[in-house]
Amino acid sequence: VMEYVKGKTLKEVIKAQGKLSVEETLNYSYQIARALESAHNSNIIHRDIKPQNIMLTKDGLIKVTDFGIAKHSDSVTITNSGKIIGSAHYFSPEQARGNMTDGRSDIYSLGIVMYEMVTGQVPFDAESPITIALKHMQEPLPSPRALNLSVSAGLEKVILKATEKNPIDRYQRIEDMMMDLRALM
């Protein structure tokens, strides 16, 4: 049994509006980060953060949904056996490789969602999920500011740090990312 959420998915909102405003992006990103903070503090990694799994209520509240492939951070899961779990447009390089995932994978996915909010498109696209996965592993993230001049240098910096290829170079904890988002707000 789940709460009934009356609203739209973030994907539907992005499709309808195209690029979201910087203010909306910061507000929604912070709310998503708060939900991830709660999950991570309970040792739960979502592993499928994408706009289709984020609901926006009529009151502007964000609800993170679909914990169907979430895992407890202490558990061994199918990902550890080399199978890819997640959605190709949003998953982290380590997910694409079938490696161990932790909270930093959710941070990467949130960075990709933020990119899509401010640009109206995903950074990497191709015909096949494998090609998209290779792009996540190998290609630098295109500049969000190049597609949307209203994106500040500070917001671009947060997106780029969240989407670093190497998890060691990313935000190590969602709380660190939240501090930077709050400062931008």
N, C-alpha and C. Protein backbone atom coordinates (compact mmCIF):
# COMPACT_ATOMS: atom_id res chain seq x y z
N VAL A 1 0.86 -1.19 0.00
CA VAL A 1 0.00 0.00 0.00
C VAL A 1 0.89 1.23 0.00
N MET A 2 0.55 2.18 -0.87
CA MET A 2 1.33 3.42 -0.96
C MET A 2 0.39 4.61 -0.86
N GLU A 3 0.98 5.73 -0.50
CA GLU A 3 0.25 6.99 -0.51
C GLU A 3 -0.16 7.31 -1.94
N TYR A 4 -1.41 7.79 -2.12
CA TYR A 4 -1.83 8.26 -3.43
C TYR A 4 -1.32 9.69 -3.58
N VAL A 5 -0.57 9.94 -4.63
CA VAL A 5 -0.01 11.27 -4.87
C VAL A 5 -0.71 11.84 -6.10
N LYS A 6 -1.47 12.90 -5.89
CA LYS A 6 -2.14 13.56 -7.01
C LYS A 6 -1.19 14.62 -7.55
N GLY A 7 -0.80 14.46 -8.78
CA GLY A 7 0.14 15.39 -9.39
C GLY A 7 0.69 14.82 -10.67
N LYS A 8 1.87 15.28 -11.04
CA LYS A 8 2.52 14.85 -12.27
C LYS A 8 3.93 14.38 -11.94
N THR A 9 4.47 13.56 -12.83
CA THR A 9 5.87 13.20 -12.66
C THR A 9 6.71 14.40 -13.10
N LEU A 10 7.91 14.47 -12.59
CA LEU A 10 8.82 15.53 -12.99
C LEU A 10 9.09 15.44 -14.50
N LYS A 11 9.10 14.24 -15.06
CA LYS A 11 9.30 14.05 -16.49
C LYS A 11 8.18 14.73 -17.28
N GLU A 12 6.94 14.57 -16.81
CA GLU A 12 5.80 15.22 -17.47
C GLU A 12 5.93 16.74 -17.41
N VAL A 13 6.39 17.26 -16.27
CA VAL A 13 6.56 18.70 -16.11
C VAL A 13 7.64 19.21 -17.06
N ILE A 14 8.77 18.48 -17.15
CA ILE A 14 9.86 18.89 -18.04
C ILE A 14 9.39 18.85 -19.49
N LYS A 15 8.66 17.82 -19.87
CA LYS A 15 8.15 17.72 -21.25
C LYS A 15 7.22 18.88 -21.57
N ALA A 16 6.37 19.24 -20.61
CA ALA A 16 5.41 20.32 -20.84
C ALA A 16 6.07 21.70 -20.88
N GLN A 17 7.04 21.93 -20.00
CA GLN A 17 7.66 23.25 -19.87
C GLN A 17 8.96 23.40 -20.63
N GLY A 18 9.59 22.28 -20.96
CA GLY A 18 10.94 22.36 -21.51
C GLY A 18 11.89 22.63 -20.35
N LYS A 19 12.70 23.64 -20.48
CA LYS A 19 13.62 24.00 -19.39
C LYS A 19 12.82 24.55 -18.21
N LEU A 20 13.20 24.13 -17.01
CA LEU A 20 12.61 24.70 -15.80
C LEU A 20 13.44 25.90 -15.38
N SER A 21 12.85 26.78 -14.61
CA SER A 21 13.60 27.94 -14.13
C SER A 21 14.66 27.48 -13.13
N VAL A 22 15.65 28.33 -12.94
CA VAL A 22 16.70 28.03 -11.96
C VAL A 22 16.08 27.87 -10.58
N GLU A 23 15.12 28.73 -10.24
CA GLU A 23 14.48 28.67 -8.92
C GLU A 23 13.75 27.35 -8.74
N GLU A 24 12.99 26.91 -9.76
CA GLU A 24 12.29 25.63 -9.67
C GLU A 24 13.29 24.48 -9.53
N THR A 25 14.34 24.54 -10.33
CA THR A 25 15.36 23.49 -10.31
C THR A 25 15.99 23.39 -8.92
N LEU A 26 16.36 24.52 -8.34
CA LEU A 26 16.97 24.50 -7.01
C LEU A 26 15.97 23.97 -5.97
N ASN A 27 14.73 24.43 -6.03
CA ASN A 27 13.71 24.00 -5.08
C ASN A 27 13.48 22.49 -5.19
N TYR A 28 13.24 22.00 -6.40
CA TYR A 28 12.97 20.57 -6.58
C TYR A 28 14.20 19.73 -6.22
N SER A 29 15.38 20.19 -6.63
CA SER A 29 16.60 19.44 -6.34
C SER A 29 16.82 19.32 -4.84
N TYR A 30 16.58 20.40 -4.12
CA TYR A 30 16.76 20.37 -2.66
C TYR A 30 15.77 19.38 -2.03
N GLN A 31 14.53 19.39 -2.51
CA GLN A 31 13.53 18.46 -1.97
C GLN A 31 13.90 17.00 -2.28
N ILE A 32 14.39 16.75 -3.50
CA ILE A 32 14.83 15.40 -3.85
C ILE A 32 16.00 15.00 -2.95
N ALA A 33 16.93 15.91 -2.75
CA ALA A 33 18.08 15.64 -1.89
C ALA A 33 17.64 15.33 -0.46
N ARG A 34 16.63 16.04 0.03
CA ARG A 34 16.12 15.76 1.39
C ARG A 34 15.55 14.35 1.47
N ALA A 35 14.85 13.93 0.42
CA ALA A 35 14.31 12.57 0.40
C ALA A 35 15.45 11.55 0.38
N LEU A 36 16.47 11.83 -0.41
CA LEU A 36 17.63 10.94 -0.45
C LEU A 36 18.37 10.92 0.88
N GLU A 37 18.44 12.08 1.53
CA GLU A 37 19.07 12.15 2.85
C GLU A 37 18.36 11.19 3.81
N SER A 38 17.04 11.21 3.80
CA SER A 38 16.27 10.33 4.67
C SER A 38 16.54 8.86 4.34
N ALA A 39 16.56 8.54 3.05
CA ALA A 39 16.83 7.15 2.65
C ALA A 39 18.26 6.76 3.03
N HIS A 40 19.23 7.61 2.69
CA HIS A 40 20.64 7.28 2.97
C HIS A 40 20.89 7.15 4.48
N ASN A 41 20.22 7.98 5.28
CA ASN A 41 20.38 7.88 6.73
C ASN A 41 19.79 6.58 7.28
N SER A 42 18.91 5.96 6.48
CA SER A 42 18.36 4.64 6.84
C SER A 42 19.11 3.53 6.11
N ASN A 43 20.28 3.89 5.55
CA ASN A 43 21.12 2.94 4.80
C ASN A 43 20.42 2.34 3.58
N ILE A 44 19.57 3.15 2.93
CA ILE A 44 18.88 2.71 1.72
C ILE A 44 19.40 3.54 0.55
N ILE A 45 19.81 2.86 -0.50
CA ILE A 45 20.24 3.52 -1.74
C ILE A 45 19.14 3.27 -2.77
N HIS A 46 18.63 4.34 -3.37
CA HIS A 46 17.50 4.24 -4.30
C HIS A 46 17.87 3.51 -5.58
N ARG A 47 18.95 3.93 -6.25
CA ARG A 47 19.51 3.34 -7.46
C ARG A 47 18.71 3.54 -8.73
N ASP A 48 17.61 4.30 -8.68
CA ASP A 48 16.86 4.56 -9.91
C ASP A 48 16.24 5.96 -9.86
N ILE A 49 17.05 6.94 -9.47
CA ILE A 49 16.57 8.33 -9.44
C ILE A 49 16.47 8.81 -10.88
N LYS A 50 15.28 9.19 -11.27
CA LYS A 50 15.00 9.73 -12.61
C LYS A 50 13.70 10.51 -12.53
N PRO A 51 13.46 11.42 -13.47
CA PRO A 51 12.24 12.26 -13.39
C PRO A 51 10.94 11.46 -13.40
N GLN A 52 10.96 10.28 -13.99
CA GLN A 52 9.75 9.44 -13.99
C GLN A 52 9.43 8.91 -12.60
N ASN A 53 10.39 8.89 -11.70
CA ASN A 53 10.19 8.38 -10.34
C ASN A 53 10.08 9.51 -9.31
N ILE A 54 9.86 10.72 -9.80
CA ILE A 54 9.72 11.87 -8.92
C ILE A 54 8.37 12.51 -9.22
N MET A 55 7.52 12.55 -8.21
CA MET A 55 6.19 13.15 -8.36
C MET A 55 6.20 14.57 -7.82
N LEU A 56 5.45 15.42 -8.48
CA LEU A 56 5.30 16.81 -8.06
C LEU A 56 3.82 17.04 -7.79
N THR A 57 3.49 17.37 -6.53
CA THR A 57 2.09 17.60 -6.18
C THR A 57 1.66 18.99 -6.64
N LYS A 58 0.37 19.23 -6.59
CA LYS A 58 -0.16 20.54 -6.97
C LYS A 58 0.35 21.65 -6.06
N ASP A 59 0.77 21.28 -4.84
CA ASP A 59 1.31 22.25 -3.88
C ASP A 59 2.80 22.49 -4.06
N GLY A 60 3.41 21.85 -5.07
CA GLY A 60 4.83 22.03 -5.33
C GLY A 60 5.73 21.17 -4.46
N LEU A 61 5.15 20.13 -3.85
CA LEU A 61 5.95 19.21 -3.04
C LEU A 61 6.44 18.05 -3.88
N ILE A 62 7.66 17.65 -3.64
CA ILE A 62 8.30 16.55 -4.35
C ILE A 62 8.13 15.26 -3.54
N LYS A 63 7.81 14.20 -4.24
CA LYS A 63 7.75 12.86 -3.64
C LYS A 63 8.62 11.94 -4.48
N VAL A 64 9.61 11.33 -3.88
CA VAL A 64 10.45 10.36 -4.57
C VAL A 64 9.78 9.01 -4.45
N THR A 65 9.56 8.35 -5.59
CA THR A 65 8.81 7.10 -5.62
C THR A 65 9.67 5.97 -6.16
N ASP A 66 9.07 4.81 -6.22
CA ASP A 66 9.63 3.60 -6.85
C ASP A 66 10.97 3.19 -6.27
N PHE A 67 10.91 2.65 -5.09
CA PHE A 67 12.10 2.10 -4.45
C PHE A 67 12.23 0.61 -4.80
N GLY A 68 11.72 0.23 -5.98
CA GLY A 68 11.68 -1.17 -6.39
C GLY A 68 13.04 -1.83 -6.53
N ILE A 69 14.08 -1.06 -6.88
CA ILE A 69 15.42 -1.66 -6.98
C ILE A 69 16.36 -1.09 -5.93
N ALA A 70 15.78 -0.45 -4.92
CA ALA A 70 16.60 0.07 -3.83
C ALA A 70 17.26 -1.08 -3.09
N LYS A 71 18.34 -0.76 -2.40
CA LYS A 71 18.99 -1.80 -1.60
C LYS A 71 19.47 -1.21 -0.30
N HIS A 72 19.58 -2.07 0.69
CA HIS A 72 20.18 -1.69 1.95
C HIS A 72 21.67 -1.61 1.71
N SER A 73 22.31 -0.57 2.20
CA SER A 73 23.73 -0.35 1.86
C SER A 73 24.65 -1.45 2.39
N ASP A 74 24.20 -2.25 3.32
CA ASP A 74 25.03 -3.33 3.83
C ASP A 74 24.80 -4.65 3.09
N SER A 75 23.82 -4.66 2.17
CA SER A 75 23.46 -5.92 1.54
C SER A 75 24.19 -6.12 0.22
N VAL A 76 24.37 -7.36 -0.12
CA VAL A 76 24.93 -7.72 -1.42
C VAL A 76 23.75 -7.93 -2.35
N THR A 77 23.81 -7.33 -3.54
CA THR A 77 22.67 -7.43 -4.45
C THR A 77 23.12 -7.90 -5.82
N ILE A 78 22.16 -8.03 -6.70
CA ILE A 78 22.43 -8.50 -8.05
C ILE A 78 23.42 -7.58 -8.77
N THR A 79 23.46 -6.31 -8.41
CA THR A 79 24.40 -5.39 -9.05
C THR A 79 25.84 -5.87 -8.85
N ASN A 80 26.09 -6.45 -7.70
CA ASN A 80 27.44 -6.90 -7.40
C ASN A 80 27.87 -8.06 -8.29
N SER A 81 26.92 -8.73 -8.92
CA SER A 81 27.28 -9.87 -9.78
C SER A 81 27.45 -9.43 -11.23
N GLY A 82 27.50 -8.14 -11.48
CA GLY A 82 27.79 -7.66 -12.81
C GLY A 82 26.57 -7.32 -13.66
N LYS A 83 25.38 -7.45 -13.12
CA LYS A 83 24.19 -7.07 -13.88
C LYS A 83 23.92 -5.59 -13.68
N ILE A 84 23.49 -4.94 -14.74
CA ILE A 84 23.21 -3.50 -14.68
C ILE A 84 21.78 -3.29 -14.20
N ILE A 85 21.64 -2.44 -13.18
CA ILE A 85 20.33 -2.11 -12.65
C ILE A 85 20.19 -0.60 -12.68
N GLY A 86 19.05 -0.14 -13.16
CA GLY A 86 18.80 1.30 -13.23
C GLY A 86 18.38 1.71 -14.63
N SER A 87 18.21 2.99 -14.84
CA SER A 87 17.78 3.52 -16.13
C SER A 87 18.97 4.18 -16.82
N ALA A 88 19.24 3.77 -18.05
CA ALA A 88 20.47 4.15 -18.75
C ALA A 88 20.72 5.65 -18.80
N HIS A 89 19.70 6.46 -18.98
CA HIS A 89 19.92 7.90 -19.09
C HIS A 89 20.37 8.53 -17.78
N TYR A 90 20.14 7.88 -16.67
CA TYR A 90 20.36 8.49 -15.35
C TYR A 90 21.34 7.74 -14.47
N PHE A 91 21.76 6.55 -14.87
CA PHE A 91 22.60 5.82 -13.92
C PHE A 91 24.06 6.23 -13.99
N SER A 92 24.71 5.98 -12.86
CA SER A 92 26.09 6.40 -12.66
C SER A 92 27.04 5.49 -13.44
N PRO A 93 28.27 5.97 -13.68
CA PRO A 93 29.26 5.12 -14.35
C PRO A 93 29.48 3.78 -13.65
N GLU A 94 29.46 3.79 -12.31
CA GLU A 94 29.67 2.53 -11.59
C GLU A 94 28.49 1.58 -11.78
N GLN A 95 27.28 2.12 -11.90
CA GLN A 95 26.12 1.27 -12.22
C GLN A 95 26.27 0.72 -13.63
N ALA A 96 26.71 1.57 -14.56
CA ALA A 96 26.88 1.13 -15.95
C ALA A 96 27.89 -0.01 -16.05
N ARG A 97 28.88 0.00 -15.18
CA ARG A 97 29.90 -1.07 -15.18
C ARG A 97 29.42 -2.31 -14.43
N GLY A 98 28.31 -2.19 -13.70
CA GLY A 98 27.84 -3.31 -12.88
C GLY A 98 28.60 -3.43 -11.58
N ASN A 99 29.23 -2.34 -11.15
CA ASN A 99 30.01 -2.34 -9.90
C ASN A 99 29.14 -2.05 -8.69
N MET A 100 29.75 -2.09 -7.53
CA MET A 100 29.07 -1.74 -6.28
C MET A 100 28.56 -0.31 -6.34
N THR A 101 27.40 -0.08 -5.78
CA THR A 101 26.84 1.26 -5.71
C THR A 101 26.66 1.67 -4.26
N ASP A 102 26.71 2.98 -4.05
CA ASP A 102 26.42 3.53 -2.73
C ASP A 102 25.67 4.85 -2.95
N GLY A 103 25.56 5.65 -1.91
CA GLY A 103 24.80 6.89 -1.99
C GLY A 103 25.30 7.83 -3.07
N ARG A 104 26.57 7.72 -3.42
CA ARG A 104 27.13 8.59 -4.45
C ARG A 104 26.53 8.29 -5.83
N SER A 105 26.02 7.09 -6.03
CA SER A 105 25.33 6.77 -7.28
C SER A 105 24.02 7.56 -7.36
N ASP A 106 23.31 7.66 -6.25
CA ASP A 106 22.09 8.48 -6.22
C ASP A 106 22.42 9.95 -6.46
N ILE A 107 23.55 10.41 -5.94
CA ILE A 107 23.98 11.80 -6.14
C ILE A 107 24.24 12.05 -7.62
N TYR A 108 24.91 11.11 -8.28
CA TYR A 108 25.15 11.23 -9.72
C TYR A 108 23.83 11.34 -10.47
N SER A 109 22.90 10.45 -10.17
CA SER A 109 21.60 10.46 -10.85
C SER A 109 20.86 11.76 -10.61
N LEU A 110 20.93 12.29 -9.39
CA LEU A 110 20.30 13.58 -9.11
C LEU A 110 20.95 14.68 -9.94
N GLY A 111 22.26 14.63 -10.11
CA GLY A 111 22.94 15.60 -10.96
C GLY A 111 22.44 15.54 -12.40
N ILE A 112 22.20 14.34 -12.91
CA ILE A 112 21.67 14.18 -14.27
C ILE A 112 20.24 14.73 -14.34
N VAL A 113 19.44 14.48 -13.32
CA VAL A 113 18.08 15.03 -13.27
C VAL A 113 18.13 16.56 -13.25
N MET A 114 19.05 17.12 -12.48
CA MET A 114 19.20 18.58 -12.44
C MET A 114 19.57 19.11 -13.81
N TYR A 115 20.48 18.43 -14.47
CA TYR A 115 20.89 18.82 -15.82
C TYR A 115 19.67 18.88 -16.73
N GLU A 116 18.84 17.83 -16.66
CA GLU A 116 17.64 17.78 -17.50
C GLU A 116 16.65 18.89 -17.13
N MET A 117 16.54 19.19 -15.85
CA MET A 117 15.62 20.27 -15.45
C MET A 117 16.03 21.60 -16.07
N VAL A 118 17.33 21.93 -16.05
CA VAL A 118 17.76 23.25 -16.53
C VAL A 118 17.96 23.32 -18.04
N THR A 119 18.10 22.16 -18.70
CA THR A 119 18.33 22.19 -20.15
C THR A 119 17.15 21.66 -20.96
N GLY A 120 16.27 20.91 -20.31
CA GLY A 120 15.15 20.30 -21.03
C GLY A 120 15.53 19.01 -21.75
N GLN A 121 16.76 18.54 -21.55
CA GLN A 121 17.20 17.30 -22.21
C GLN A 121 18.22 16.58 -21.35
N VAL A 122 18.35 15.28 -21.61
CA VAL A 122 19.37 14.50 -20.91
C VAL A 122 20.72 14.78 -21.57
N PRO A 123 21.81 14.67 -20.81
CA PRO A 123 23.12 14.99 -21.38
C PRO A 123 23.62 13.96 -22.39
N PHE A 124 23.23 12.71 -22.20
CA PHE A 124 23.70 11.64 -23.08
C PHE A 124 22.50 10.89 -23.64
N ASP A 125 22.47 10.75 -24.96
CA ASP A 125 21.40 10.01 -25.60
C ASP A 125 21.97 9.23 -26.78
N ALA A 126 21.35 8.11 -27.08
CA ALA A 126 21.79 7.27 -28.19
C ALA A 126 20.69 6.25 -28.46
N GLU A 127 20.90 5.47 -29.50
CA GLU A 127 19.91 4.45 -29.90
C GLU A 127 19.79 3.32 -28.88
N SER A 128 20.92 2.93 -28.27
CA SER A 128 20.88 1.77 -27.39
C SER A 128 21.32 2.15 -25.97
N PRO A 129 20.78 1.43 -24.98
CA PRO A 129 21.20 1.66 -23.60
C PRO A 129 22.70 1.44 -23.39
N ILE A 130 23.30 0.52 -24.13
CA ILE A 130 24.74 0.26 -23.98
C ILE A 130 25.55 1.48 -24.42
N THR A 131 25.13 2.11 -25.52
CA THR A 131 25.84 3.30 -26.00
C THR A 131 25.69 4.44 -25.00
N ILE A 132 24.50 4.58 -24.42
CA ILE A 132 24.29 5.61 -23.39
C ILE A 132 25.19 5.33 -22.19
N ALA A 133 25.25 4.06 -21.79
CA ALA A 133 26.10 3.68 -20.65
C ALA A 133 27.55 4.03 -20.92
N LEU A 134 28.04 3.76 -22.13
CA LEU A 134 29.41 4.09 -22.48
C LEU A 134 29.66 5.59 -22.39
N LYS A 135 28.69 6.38 -22.79
CA LYS A 135 28.82 7.83 -22.71
C LYS A 135 28.92 8.28 -21.25
N HIS A 136 28.12 7.68 -20.37
CA HIS A 136 28.20 8.00 -18.94
C HIS A 136 29.59 7.67 -18.39
N MET A 137 30.19 6.61 -18.90
CA MET A 137 31.49 6.18 -18.40
C MET A 137 32.64 6.99 -19.00
N GLN A 138 32.49 7.45 -20.24
CA GLN A 138 33.65 7.98 -20.96
C GLN A 138 33.58 9.45 -21.35
N GLU A 139 32.40 9.97 -21.64
CA GLU A 139 32.32 11.32 -22.19
C GLU A 139 32.12 12.36 -21.10
N PRO A 140 32.75 13.53 -21.25
CA PRO A 140 32.50 14.60 -20.29
C PRO A 140 31.06 15.12 -20.42
N LEU A 141 30.52 15.54 -19.30
CA LEU A 141 29.16 16.08 -19.31
C LEU A 141 29.15 17.39 -20.09
N PRO A 142 28.27 17.54 -21.07
CA PRO A 142 28.18 18.81 -21.78
C PRO A 142 27.79 19.93 -20.81
N SER A 143 28.24 21.12 -21.06
CA SER A 143 27.97 22.25 -20.17
C SER A 143 26.49 22.61 -20.18
N PRO A 144 25.84 22.61 -19.00
CA PRO A 144 24.44 23.05 -18.96
C PRO A 144 24.30 24.54 -19.32
N ARG A 145 25.31 25.32 -19.00
CA ARG A 145 25.27 26.76 -19.30
C ARG A 145 25.29 27.02 -20.81
N ALA A 146 25.88 26.12 -21.56
CA ALA A 146 25.90 26.28 -23.02
C ALA A 146 24.50 26.15 -23.61
N LEU A 147 23.62 25.42 -22.92
CA LEU A 147 22.25 25.23 -23.39
C LEU A 147 21.25 26.16 -22.71
N ASN A 148 21.64 26.75 -21.60
CA ASN A 148 20.74 27.65 -20.87
C ASN A 148 21.58 28.72 -20.18
N LEU A 149 21.58 29.91 -20.75
CA LEU A 149 22.41 31.00 -20.23
C LEU A 149 22.00 31.48 -18.85
N SER A 150 20.78 31.13 -18.40
CA SER A 150 20.35 31.56 -17.07
C SER A 150 20.94 30.69 -15.95
N VAL A 151 21.60 29.59 -16.32
CA VAL A 151 22.25 28.74 -15.31
C VAL A 151 23.49 29.47 -14.80
N SER A 152 23.54 29.69 -13.51
CA SER A 152 24.69 30.39 -12.93
C SER A 152 25.91 29.47 -12.90
N ALA A 153 27.07 30.09 -12.75
CA ALA A 153 28.31 29.31 -12.62
C ALA A 153 28.22 28.41 -11.39
N GLY A 154 27.60 28.91 -10.32
CA GLY A 154 27.47 28.12 -9.09
C GLY A 154 26.61 26.88 -9.29
N LEU A 155 25.48 27.04 -9.99
CA LEU A 155 24.60 25.89 -10.24
C LEU A 155 25.29 24.89 -11.16
N GLU A 156 25.97 25.38 -12.18
CA GLU A 156 26.69 24.47 -13.06
C GLU A 156 27.76 23.70 -12.27
N LYS A 157 28.42 24.36 -11.36
CA LYS A 157 29.46 23.72 -10.54
C LYS A 157 28.87 22.58 -9.71
N VAL A 158 27.68 22.80 -9.13
CA VAL A 158 27.02 21.75 -8.35
C VAL A 158 26.68 20.56 -9.24
N ILE A 159 26.12 20.83 -10.42
CA ILE A 159 25.75 19.76 -11.35
C ILE A 159 26.99 18.98 -11.77
N LEU A 160 28.06 19.69 -12.11
CA LEU A 160 29.28 19.02 -12.57
C LEU A 160 29.93 18.21 -11.45
N LYS A 161 29.90 18.72 -10.22
CA LYS A 161 30.49 17.97 -9.10
C LYS A 161 29.66 16.71 -8.80
N ALA A 162 28.35 16.83 -8.88
CA ALA A 162 27.48 15.68 -8.62
C ALA A 162 27.66 14.59 -9.67
N THR A 163 28.07 14.99 -10.88
CA THR A 163 28.15 14.03 -11.99
C THR A 163 29.59 13.68 -12.38
N GLU A 164 30.50 13.85 -11.46
CA GLU A 164 31.88 13.42 -11.73
C GLU A 164 31.89 11.92 -12.01
N LYS A 165 32.71 11.49 -12.95
CA LYS A 165 32.78 10.07 -13.34
C LYS A 165 33.26 9.19 -12.17
N ASN A 166 34.26 9.67 -11.47
CA ASN A 166 34.82 8.91 -10.35
C ASN A 166 34.06 9.28 -9.07
N PRO A 167 33.47 8.31 -8.39
CA PRO A 167 32.71 8.62 -7.17
C PRO A 167 33.52 9.39 -6.12
N ILE A 168 34.83 9.22 -6.10
CA ILE A 168 35.68 9.92 -5.12
C ILE A 168 35.67 11.42 -5.37
N ASP A 169 35.45 11.83 -6.62
CA ASP A 169 35.44 13.25 -6.98
C ASP A 169 34.07 13.91 -6.81
N ARG A 170 33.04 13.11 -6.57
CA ARG A 170 31.68 13.61 -6.37
C ARG A 170 31.47 14.07 -4.94
N TYR A 171 30.30 14.65 -4.69
CA TYR A 171 29.89 14.86 -3.30
C TYR A 171 29.93 13.50 -2.62
N GLN A 172 30.49 13.44 -1.44
CA GLN A 172 30.60 12.17 -0.73
C GLN A 172 29.33 11.84 0.03
N ARG A 173 28.62 12.87 0.42
CA ARG A 173 27.36 12.69 1.16
C ARG A 173 26.33 13.64 0.57
N ILE A 174 25.08 13.23 0.57
CA ILE A 174 24.01 14.09 0.04
C ILE A 174 23.92 15.39 0.84
N GLU A 175 24.27 15.33 2.12
CA GLU A 175 24.22 16.55 2.95
C GLU A 175 25.18 17.62 2.43
N ASP A 176 26.31 17.21 1.89
CA ASP A 176 27.27 18.17 1.33
C ASP A 176 26.67 18.87 0.11
N MET A 177 25.99 18.12 -0.71
CA MET A 177 25.33 18.70 -1.88
C MET A 177 24.20 19.63 -1.44
N MET A 178 23.47 19.24 -0.41
CA MET A 178 22.37 20.06 0.09
C MET A 178 22.88 21.41 0.59
N MET A 179 24.05 21.41 1.23
CA MET A 179 24.63 22.69 1.70
C MET A 179 24.87 23.63 0.52
N ASP A 180 25.42 23.10 -0.57
CA ASP A 180 25.68 23.94 -1.74
C ASP A 180 24.38 24.39 -2.41
N LEU A 181 23.40 23.51 -2.47
CA LEU A 181 22.09 23.90 -3.04
C LEU A 181 21.45 24.99 -2.20
N ARG A 182 21.52 24.82 -0.88
CA ARG A 182 20.94 25.82 0.03
C ARG A 182 21.62 27.17 -0.16
N ALA A 183 22.94 27.18 -0.31
CA ALA A 183 23.67 28.43 -0.51
C ALA A 183 23.23 29.11 -1.81
N LEU A 184 22.98 28.32 -2.85
CA LEU A 184 22.52 28.90 -4.12
C LEU A 184 21.10 29.43 -4.01
N MET A 185 20.29 28.78 -3.19
CA MET A 185 18.91 29.22 -3.01
C MET A 185 18.88 30.56 -2.29
